[in-house]
Amino acid sequence: MAVDVLRVRIVSSLIMGSALTATAFFLSGGRAELAAPGFILALLFFARAAYLGRRRSRLARLERAIAAFTDEDRELVRDVARDLGETRSLAEIDRRLVDRGVAEQQRRAAIAFAAVELRRRELFVAQIAAARVKFEGGDGASADAAVVCRGAPSTTALDFARTRFITTALGPEGEAWEREGLEERVEAGARYDVVAVRDLKNETARTFWFETARTFWFEAPELER
């Protein structure tokens, strides 16, 4: 699908470049100094077509490599996708695959590409699911007042739902608060996720970190983990 979209963009860029070349030549009456701006603009479209052509060629190679995946390759894709929450770059993914004995560069690139796409799809699905999570219980200030999350199908969806609850309580993440940590606790046989946040709205308390710290207690009894 991505290769087909790039093909359309390449063709459209070539058409625009050719049309600009012909138009510049016609309107300038063959005078190079008058046609130069149009030719320069046309060259930009031709350069874009060349760039997209190289990108399409690379994607085509990746798609062929993905189509030839073995069961081991698919398992590596799932493993990498699970680790992407902590992985910062494709270079880091590549190093991890080298450490796991994947010697062929094209195979590593295909596994990394597939893992990124899989993780992106999983996050999109989780965000939609998180919007359907219902909150019950208290305000999350303690175990006794824990927020009970109903309907979270995965830990990723639950994390998005927790962020939604805290944002509703404090304001936008990054402006009103920032996450400091997540801890699992067991109280009276119940399992809780305790999210520690730093309240950024209290300007006076910013000098003393401990005065800005807040915790939110969450419980997701329906989620198997």
Protein backbone atom coordinates (compact mmCIF):
# COMPACT_ATOMS: atom_id res chain seq x y z
CA MET A 1 0.00 0.00 0.00
CA ALA A 2 2.77 2.48 0.91
CA VAL A 3 4.60 1.57 -2.31
CA ASP A 4 1.45 2.28 -4.36
CA VAL A 5 0.98 5.66 -2.68
CA LEU A 6 4.58 6.59 -3.43
CA ARG A 7 4.12 5.56 -7.06
CA VAL A 8 1.24 8.05 -7.36
CA ARG A 9 3.33 10.79 -5.77
CA ILE A 10 6.26 10.07 -8.08
CA VAL A 11 4.08 10.24 -11.19
CA SER A 12 2.40 13.45 -10.02
CA SER A 13 5.80 15.06 -9.34
CA LEU A 14 7.06 14.08 -12.81
CA ILE A 15 3.90 15.47 -14.42
CA MET A 16 4.21 18.76 -12.52
CA GLY A 17 7.90 19.06 -13.39
CA SER A 18 7.24 18.39 -17.08
CA ALA A 19 4.29 20.81 -17.14
CA LEU A 20 6.35 23.57 -15.52
CA THR A 21 9.20 22.99 -17.98
CA ALA A 22 6.88 23.23 -20.96
CA THR A 23 5.07 26.28 -19.55
CA ALA A 24 8.31 28.12 -18.76
CA PHE A 25 9.68 27.44 -22.24
CA PHE A 26 6.43 28.53 -23.93
CA LEU A 27 5.93 31.73 -21.92
CA SER A 28 9.57 32.79 -22.16
CA GLY A 29 9.66 32.52 -25.94
CA GLY A 30 12.79 30.40 -25.70
CA ARG A 31 14.74 33.00 -23.71
CA ALA A 32 16.73 31.21 -21.02
CA GLU A 33 16.83 34.13 -18.56
CA LEU A 34 13.03 34.32 -18.54
CA ALA A 35 12.52 30.58 -18.35
CA ALA A 36 15.04 30.05 -15.53
CA PRO A 37 12.59 30.48 -12.56
CA GLY A 38 10.20 27.98 -14.10
CA PHE A 39 13.02 25.53 -14.82
CA ILE A 40 14.28 25.81 -11.24
CA LEU A 41 10.80 25.07 -9.87
CA ALA A 42 10.50 22.13 -12.27
CA LEU A 43 13.85 20.78 -11.05
CA LEU A 44 12.48 20.76 -7.50
CA PHE A 45 9.64 18.50 -8.60
CA PHE A 46 12.05 16.24 -10.49
CA ALA A 47 14.28 16.07 -7.40
CA ARG A 48 11.24 15.17 -5.30
CA ALA A 49 10.37 12.40 -7.76
CA ALA A 50 13.93 11.05 -7.52
CA TYR A 51 13.83 11.11 -3.72
CA LEU A 52 10.46 9.35 -3.64
CA GLY A 53 11.78 6.82 -6.16
CA ARG A 54 14.65 5.87 -3.88
CA ARG A 55 12.26 5.66 -0.92
CA ARG A 56 9.83 3.50 -2.91
CA SER A 57 12.66 1.18 -3.93
CA ARG A 58 13.70 0.76 -0.29
CA LEU A 59 10.14 0.10 0.83
CA ALA A 60 9.70 -2.46 -1.94
CA ARG A 61 12.79 -4.30 -0.73
CA LEU A 62 11.49 -4.20 2.83
CA GLU A 63 8.09 -5.52 1.77
CA ARG A 64 9.73 -8.41 -0.07
CA ALA A 65 11.82 -9.18 3.01
CA ILE A 66 8.74 -9.04 5.25
CA ALA A 67 6.84 -11.36 2.89
CA ALA A 68 9.68 -13.89 3.32
CA PHE A 69 9.63 -13.74 7.14
CA THR A 70 10.10 -17.01 9.00
CA ASP A 71 8.37 -17.83 12.31
CA GLU A 72 11.58 -16.73 14.04
CA ASP A 73 11.44 -13.36 12.27
CA ARG A 74 7.82 -12.83 13.32
CA GLU A 75 8.71 -13.62 16.91
CA LEU A 76 11.55 -11.08 16.74
CA VAL A 77 9.10 -8.49 15.40
CA ARG A 78 6.80 -9.08 18.39
CA ASP A 79 9.74 -8.92 20.82
CA VAL A 80 11.02 -5.65 19.36
CA ALA A 81 7.52 -4.14 19.32
CA ARG A 82 7.14 -4.93 23.03
CA ASP A 83 10.46 -3.18 23.76
CA LEU A 84 9.70 -0.07 21.73
CA GLY A 85 8.42 1.78 24.80
CA GLU A 86 12.02 1.99 25.98
CA THR A 87 13.79 2.01 22.60
CA ARG A 88 14.72 5.47 21.40
CA SER A 89 15.91 4.93 17.83
CA LEU A 90 16.14 2.56 14.89
CA ALA A 91 19.89 2.40 15.53
CA GLU A 92 19.16 0.99 18.99
CA ILE A 93 16.78 -1.59 17.47
CA ASP A 94 19.47 -2.54 14.98
CA ARG A 95 22.04 -3.02 17.75
CA ARG A 96 19.66 -5.24 19.68
CA LEU A 97 19.03 -7.39 16.63
CA VAL A 98 22.77 -7.70 16.01
CA ASP A 99 23.14 -8.84 19.63
CA ARG A 100 20.49 -11.48 18.96
CA GLY A 101 22.47 -12.84 16.04
CA VAL A 102 20.66 -11.27 13.07
CA ALA A 103 23.61 -10.70 10.75
CA GLU A 104 21.91 -9.66 7.50
CA GLN A 105 21.34 -5.90 7.36
CA GLN A 106 18.29 -6.08 5.10
CA ARG A 107 16.63 -8.60 7.40
CA ARG A 108 17.29 -6.36 10.42
CA ALA A 109 15.82 -3.37 8.60
CA ALA A 110 12.70 -5.35 7.69
CA ILE A 111 12.22 -6.59 11.26
CA ALA A 112 12.66 -3.06 12.66
CA PHE A 113 10.24 -1.59 10.10
CA ALA A 114 7.61 -4.25 10.82
CA ALA A 115 8.02 -3.81 14.59
CA VAL A 116 7.57 -0.03 14.42
CA GLU A 117 4.43 -0.42 12.29
CA LEU A 118 3.06 -3.09 14.63
CA ARG A 119 3.68 -0.92 17.70
CA ARG A 120 2.10 2.10 16.00
CA ARG A 121 -0.99 0.04 15.20
CA GLU A 122 -1.17 -1.32 18.76
CA LEU A 123 -0.93 2.18 20.25
CA PHE A 124 -3.70 3.45 17.98
CA VAL A 125 -5.99 0.58 19.01
CA ALA A 126 -5.08 1.09 22.69
CA GLN A 127 -5.92 4.81 22.53
CA ILE A 128 -9.36 4.03 21.12
CA ALA A 129 -9.93 1.37 23.80
CA ALA A 130 -8.76 3.75 26.55
CA ALA A 131 -11.46 6.24 25.62
CA ARG A 132 -14.06 3.59 26.51
CA VAL A 133 -12.61 2.83 29.96
CA LYS A 134 -14.97 3.81 32.78
CA PHE A 135 -13.78 5.14 36.13
CA GLU A 136 -15.38 4.15 39.41
CA GLY A 137 -14.40 4.45 43.07
CA GLY A 138 -12.70 7.49 44.55
CA ASP A 139 -10.30 10.23 43.55
CA GLY A 140 -7.20 8.01 43.65
CA ALA A 141 -5.62 9.68 46.69
CA SER A 142 -5.16 6.38 48.55
CA ALA A 143 -5.84 2.66 48.36
CA ASP A 144 -9.21 3.18 50.05
CA ALA A 145 -10.10 5.84 47.46
CA ALA A 146 -8.52 4.09 44.48
CA VAL A 147 -9.82 4.73 40.98
CA VAL A 148 -11.32 1.51 39.65
CA CYS A 149 -10.78 1.23 35.88
CA ARG A 150 -13.42 -0.83 34.09
CA GLY A 151 -13.09 -2.12 30.54
CA ALA A 152 -9.33 -1.82 29.89
CA PRO A 153 -8.41 -4.64 27.45
CA SER A 154 -4.62 -4.26 27.84
CA THR A 155 -1.98 -2.65 30.01
CA THR A 156 -1.27 -0.13 27.23
CA ALA A 157 -4.92 0.91 27.10
CA LEU A 158 -4.94 1.10 30.89
CA ASP A 159 -1.93 3.43 30.82
CA PHE A 160 -3.68 5.76 28.36
CA ALA A 161 -6.79 5.67 30.57
CA ARG A 162 -4.78 6.56 33.69
CA THR A 163 -3.25 9.49 31.84
CA ARG A 164 -6.74 10.63 30.82
CA PHE A 165 -7.93 10.53 34.45
CA ILE A 166 -4.93 12.49 35.77
CA THR A 167 -5.26 15.03 32.94
CA THR A 168 -8.90 15.58 33.87
CA ALA A 169 -7.90 16.09 37.51
CA LEU A 170 -4.81 18.27 37.07
CA GLY A 171 -4.70 19.59 33.51
CA PRO A 172 -2.58 18.87 30.41
CA GLU A 173 0.41 16.57 30.85
CA GLY A 174 3.69 18.45 30.48
CA GLU A 175 2.05 21.74 31.45
CA ALA A 176 0.18 21.01 34.67
CA TRP A 177 1.93 17.78 35.66
CA GLU A 178 4.57 15.28 34.67
CA ARG A 179 4.93 11.61 35.52
CA GLU A 180 7.61 10.61 38.01
CA GLY A 181 7.07 6.86 38.24
CA LEU A 182 4.77 3.85 38.37
CA GLU A 183 4.78 1.29 41.18
CA GLU A 184 2.74 -1.87 41.68
CA ARG A 185 1.47 -2.44 45.22
CA VAL A 186 -0.65 -5.06 46.93
CA GLU A 187 -2.90 -3.92 49.77
CA ALA A 188 -5.33 -6.27 51.54
CA GLY A 189 -5.07 -8.75 48.69
CA ALA A 190 -5.88 -6.19 46.00
CA ARG A 191 -3.41 -5.13 43.34
CA TYR A 192 -2.90 -1.43 42.65
CA ASP A 193 -0.90 0.67 40.21
CA VAL A 194 0.36 3.78 41.99
CA VAL A 195 1.30 6.61 39.63
CA ALA A 196 3.57 9.28 41.12
CA VAL A 197 3.31 12.69 39.45
CA ARG A 198 4.83 16.09 39.95
CA ASP A 199 2.34 18.94 40.14
CA LEU A 200 3.75 21.77 38.02
CA LYS A 201 1.02 24.29 38.80
CA ASN A 202 2.26 25.04 42.30
CA GLU A 203 4.97 27.60 41.56
CA THR A 204 5.88 28.09 45.25
CA ALA A 205 6.48 24.42 45.86
CA ARG A 206 8.70 23.91 42.82
CA THR A 207 11.76 24.66 44.95
CA PHE A 208 10.97 21.63 47.11
CA TRP A 209 10.24 18.54 45.06
CA PHE A 210 8.56 16.64 47.91
CA GLU A 211 5.88 19.35 48.20
CA THR A 212 4.84 18.92 44.59
CA ALA A 213 4.64 15.12 44.62
CA ARG A 214 1.24 13.46 44.30
CA THR A 215 0.18 9.88 43.89
CA PHE A 216 -2.85 8.37 42.17
CA TRP A 217 -3.97 4.87 43.07
CA PHE A 218 -5.58 2.81 40.31
CA GLU A 219 -7.15 -0.63 40.33
CA ALA A 220 -8.06 -2.67 37.25
CA PRO A 221 -9.64 -5.87 38.64
CA GLU A 222 -10.86 -7.03 35.21
CA LEU A 223 -7.43 -6.91 33.55
CA GLU A 224 -5.37 -10.08 33.57
CA ARG A 225 -1.65 -9.31 33.82
